[in-house]
Amino acid sequence: MATNGVQQAFAPVLAALRTMQSNVDRAQKEQAHQYLEQFQKSTEAWTTTIAILQTSDATDEARLFAATTLKGKVRELLHRGYTSKGSLVQIIFDFHQLPRETLPQLRDTLLSLLSTFSKGPKPTRTQLCVCLANLAIQMLEWKDVLQVVVSALGNDSSSIACVLEFLHVLPEEVTEGRKINLTVRAAESPFLGVSPSPRGACISI
């Protein structure tokens, strides 16, 4: 259960989400949209999204937004491409905002949230599965992924469905990571005069 201080921290997020779903004028919705976009990029979003997922005060829509935001922040995929003028552009997701020593705690929190949402709503559960899968791919020191996930979620029917969904999304995320890293390597070809990035290595499991 979230404390009063944390509830006050995510109250503006819930208010902005309500604005987006209401019949207010376009200017108010645009303001709420811009606020939510900035929130998703912030360091504070790590703790706030988790708090939203842990509170009973949030709607299903707010929890889905929180899970989707958290998934996006866990992905540290380096996208490189070219603008119409040929200049190199890159977008790095927000995984770098967390000290590496906090990753086991993040993993345990995600496992706890997956246990909470194992019975649904399914969209939120799916986002959390993708989030945990991306974390598992990047935590090379986490060797016993399947054993930990199965042990944490238990053996009842709803938990088994959650484990199966995790097993479904994990290889998809690995494949997606490889596709992106192949694109990165192509962009970093010596013919383009771009130095290789240490994050360009392909993922293996």
Protein backbone atom coordinates (compact mmCIF):
# COMPACT_ATOMS: atom_id res chain seq x y z
CA MET A 1 0.00 0.00 0.00
CA ALA A 2 1.37 3.42 -0.94
CA THR A 3 2.09 5.96 1.79
CA ASN A 4 0.41 9.38 1.83
CA GLY A 5 3.61 11.01 0.56
CA VAL A 6 3.84 8.68 -2.41
CA GLN A 7 0.12 9.07 -3.10
CA GLN A 8 0.62 12.83 -3.28
CA ALA A 9 3.51 12.26 -5.71
CA PHE A 10 1.41 10.31 -8.19
CA ALA A 11 -1.82 12.30 -7.71
CA PRO A 12 -0.90 14.69 -10.59
CA VAL A 13 -0.34 11.68 -12.87
CA LEU A 14 -3.76 10.26 -12.06
CA ALA A 15 -5.31 13.70 -12.53
CA ALA A 16 -3.67 14.04 -15.97
CA LEU A 17 -4.93 10.60 -16.98
CA ARG A 18 -8.46 11.56 -15.90
CA THR A 19 -8.17 14.71 -18.01
CA MET A 20 -7.16 12.65 -21.05
CA GLN A 21 -10.25 10.46 -20.61
CA SER A 22 -12.70 13.29 -19.94
CA ASN A 23 -14.64 15.68 -22.17
CA VAL A 24 -12.55 18.78 -21.43
CA ASP A 25 -11.36 21.06 -24.22
CA ARG A 26 -8.46 20.23 -26.51
CA ALA A 27 -6.05 22.65 -24.83
CA GLN A 28 -6.45 20.95 -21.45
CA LYS A 29 -5.93 17.53 -23.01
CA GLU A 30 -2.80 18.75 -24.78
CA GLN A 31 -1.44 20.10 -21.52
CA ALA A 32 -2.16 16.78 -19.77
CA HIS A 33 -0.55 14.87 -22.65
CA GLN A 34 2.62 16.96 -22.46
CA TYR A 35 2.76 16.48 -18.68
CA LEU A 36 2.47 12.69 -19.04
CA GLU A 37 5.16 12.61 -21.72
CA GLN A 38 7.57 14.51 -19.49
CA PHE A 39 6.67 12.31 -16.56
CA GLN A 40 7.51 9.16 -18.53
CA LYS A 41 11.02 10.49 -19.20
CA SER A 42 11.69 11.47 -15.59
CA THR A 43 13.74 9.59 -13.01
CA GLU A 44 10.84 9.90 -10.56
CA ALA A 45 8.68 7.79 -12.87
CA TRP A 46 10.47 4.65 -11.65
CA THR A 47 9.10 4.89 -8.12
CA THR A 48 5.84 6.58 -9.07
CA THR A 49 4.76 3.93 -11.58
CA ILE A 50 5.50 1.17 -9.08
CA ALA A 51 3.49 3.03 -6.44
CA ILE A 52 0.54 3.36 -8.82
CA LEU A 53 0.66 -0.38 -9.49
CA GLN A 54 0.76 -1.09 -5.76
CA THR A 55 -2.09 1.19 -4.71
CA SER A 56 -5.77 0.32 -4.60
CA ASP A 57 -6.68 3.91 -5.52
CA ALA A 58 -5.70 3.62 -9.19
CA THR A 59 -8.03 2.62 -12.01
CA ASP A 60 -7.23 -0.20 -14.43
CA GLU A 61 -6.38 2.42 -17.04
CA ALA A 62 -3.92 4.13 -14.66
CA ARG A 63 -2.28 0.80 -13.82
CA LEU A 64 -1.92 -0.01 -17.51
CA PHE A 65 -0.32 3.39 -18.10
CA ALA A 66 2.06 2.76 -15.19
CA ALA A 67 2.99 -0.72 -16.43
CA THR A 68 3.52 0.55 -19.97
CA THR A 69 5.70 3.41 -18.72
CA LEU A 70 7.74 1.03 -16.57
CA LYS A 71 8.24 -1.30 -19.52
CA GLY A 72 9.53 1.55 -21.66
CA LYS A 73 11.97 2.64 -18.96
CA VAL A 74 13.41 -0.84 -18.49
CA ARG A 75 14.21 -1.19 -22.18
CA GLU A 76 17.70 0.04 -22.86
CA LEU A 77 17.68 -0.33 -26.59
CA LEU A 78 19.82 2.01 -28.62
CA HIS A 79 18.06 3.14 -31.78
CA ARG A 80 20.19 4.80 -34.40
CA GLY A 81 18.92 6.22 -37.66
CA TYR A 82 19.28 9.14 -40.00
CA THR A 83 17.30 12.32 -40.44
CA SER A 84 16.44 13.66 -43.86
CA LYS A 85 19.67 15.70 -43.68
CA GLY A 86 21.75 12.58 -43.02
CA SER A 87 22.74 13.42 -39.44
CA LEU A 88 22.92 10.60 -36.91
CA VAL A 89 20.21 10.59 -34.26
CA GLN A 90 19.94 8.28 -31.26
CA ILE A 91 17.32 7.67 -28.62
CA ILE A 92 18.33 5.86 -25.44
CA PHE A 93 15.64 4.56 -23.13
CA ASP A 94 15.82 5.20 -19.43
CA PHE A 95 17.39 2.05 -18.03
CA HIS A 96 20.60 4.03 -17.43
CA GLN A 97 18.80 6.12 -14.78
CA LEU A 98 19.04 3.25 -12.28
CA PRO A 99 22.24 2.30 -10.42
CA ARG A 100 23.09 -1.26 -11.40
CA GLU A 101 23.10 -2.41 -7.77
CA THR A 102 19.37 -1.65 -7.58
CA LEU A 103 18.45 -4.09 -10.36
CA PRO A 104 17.90 -7.11 -8.08
CA GLN A 105 15.44 -5.02 -6.06
CA LEU A 106 13.69 -3.97 -9.27
CA ARG A 107 13.50 -7.63 -10.32
CA ASP A 108 11.94 -8.62 -7.00
CA THR A 109 9.44 -5.75 -7.25
CA LEU A 110 8.43 -6.81 -10.76
CA LEU A 111 8.00 -10.40 -9.62
CA SER A 112 5.78 -9.21 -6.77
CA LEU A 113 3.72 -7.10 -9.14
CA LEU A 114 3.36 -10.00 -11.56
CA SER A 115 2.11 -12.15 -8.72
CA THR A 116 -0.45 -9.45 -7.87
CA PHE A 117 -1.62 -9.12 -11.49
CA SER A 118 -1.33 -12.80 -12.41
CA LYS A 119 -5.13 -12.99 -12.69
CA GLY A 120 -5.32 -9.79 -14.69
CA PRO A 121 -6.19 -7.41 -16.09
CA LYS A 122 -4.35 -9.12 -18.93
CA PRO A 123 -3.07 -5.94 -20.67
CA THR A 124 -1.31 -4.85 -17.47
CA ARG A 125 0.03 -8.35 -16.87
CA THR A 126 1.40 -8.47 -20.41
CA GLN A 127 3.25 -5.17 -19.98
CA LEU A 128 4.78 -6.43 -16.76
CA CYS A 129 5.83 -9.69 -18.44
CA VAL A 130 7.56 -7.73 -21.20
CA CYS A 131 9.16 -5.49 -18.58
CA LEU A 132 10.55 -8.46 -16.64
CA ALA A 133 11.71 -10.15 -19.86
CA ASN A 134 13.72 -7.07 -20.82
CA LEU A 135 15.25 -6.92 -17.37
CA ALA A 136 16.18 -10.61 -17.57
CA ILE A 137 17.88 -10.03 -20.93
CA GLN A 138 19.97 -7.19 -19.56
CA MET A 139 20.81 -8.69 -16.14
CA LEU A 140 23.52 -11.06 -17.32
CA GLU A 141 24.24 -11.98 -13.71
CA TRP A 142 20.69 -13.38 -13.36
CA LYS A 143 21.37 -16.96 -14.40
CA ASP A 144 18.32 -18.83 -13.06
CA VAL A 145 15.58 -16.75 -14.70
CA LEU A 146 12.98 -19.46 -15.24
CA GLN A 147 13.46 -21.07 -11.85
CA VAL A 148 13.05 -17.73 -10.06
CA VAL A 149 9.97 -16.72 -12.06
CA VAL A 150 8.24 -20.08 -11.51
CA SER A 151 9.14 -20.09 -7.82
CA ALA A 152 7.92 -16.51 -7.30
CA LEU A 153 4.60 -16.93 -9.10
CA GLY A 154 3.59 -20.30 -7.66
CA ASN A 155 1.75 -23.23 -9.18
CA ASP A 156 -1.94 -22.31 -9.27
CA SER A 157 -3.73 -21.99 -12.60
CA SER A 158 -3.60 -18.19 -12.84
CA SER A 159 0.11 -18.17 -12.03
CA ILE A 160 0.81 -20.84 -14.65
CA ALA A 161 -0.90 -18.64 -17.26
CA CYS A 162 1.35 -15.78 -16.20
CA VAL A 163 4.47 -17.94 -16.44
CA LEU A 164 3.45 -19.12 -19.90
CA GLU A 165 2.94 -15.53 -21.03
CA PHE A 166 6.39 -14.63 -19.73
CA LEU A 167 7.87 -17.59 -21.63
CA HIS A 168 6.06 -16.35 -24.74
CA VAL A 169 7.32 -12.77 -24.61
CA LEU A 170 10.91 -13.55 -23.54
CA PRO A 171 12.12 -14.94 -26.91
CA GLU A 172 10.21 -12.20 -28.73
CA GLU A 173 12.10 -9.53 -26.79
CA VAL A 174 15.42 -11.29 -27.42
CA THR A 175 14.66 -11.38 -31.14
CA GLU A 176 13.64 -7.72 -31.17
CA GLY A 177 16.85 -6.80 -29.35
CA ARG A 178 18.91 -8.64 -31.92
CA LYS A 179 17.14 -6.89 -34.81
CA ILE A 180 17.80 -3.49 -33.27
CA ASN A 181 21.43 -4.29 -32.52
CA LEU A 182 21.95 -5.44 -36.12
CA THR A 183 20.62 -2.05 -37.20
CA VAL A 184 23.00 -0.39 -34.75
CA ARG A 185 25.95 -2.36 -36.13
CA ALA A 186 25.02 -1.39 -39.69
CA ALA A 187 24.83 2.27 -38.68
CA GLU A 188 28.23 1.97 -36.98
CA SER A 189 29.91 0.51 -40.05
CA PRO A 190 33.38 1.99 -40.66
CA PHE A 191 32.09 3.08 -44.06
CA LEU A 192 29.83 5.52 -42.25
CA GLY A 193 32.62 6.84 -40.07
CA VAL A 194 30.85 6.11 -36.78
CA SER A 195 32.70 4.60 -33.85
CA PRO A 196 31.26 1.31 -32.49
CA SER A 197 29.10 1.60 -29.40
CA PRO A 198 29.75 -0.75 -26.45
CA ARG A 199 25.97 -1.26 -26.30
CA GLY A 200 25.88 -2.67 -29.80
CA ALA A 201 26.67 -6.24 -28.78
CA CYS A 202 23.97 -8.75 -29.61
CA ILE A 203 22.05 -10.36 -26.79
CA SER A 204 22.42 -14.06 -26.20
CA ILE A 205 20.68 -16.42 -23.83
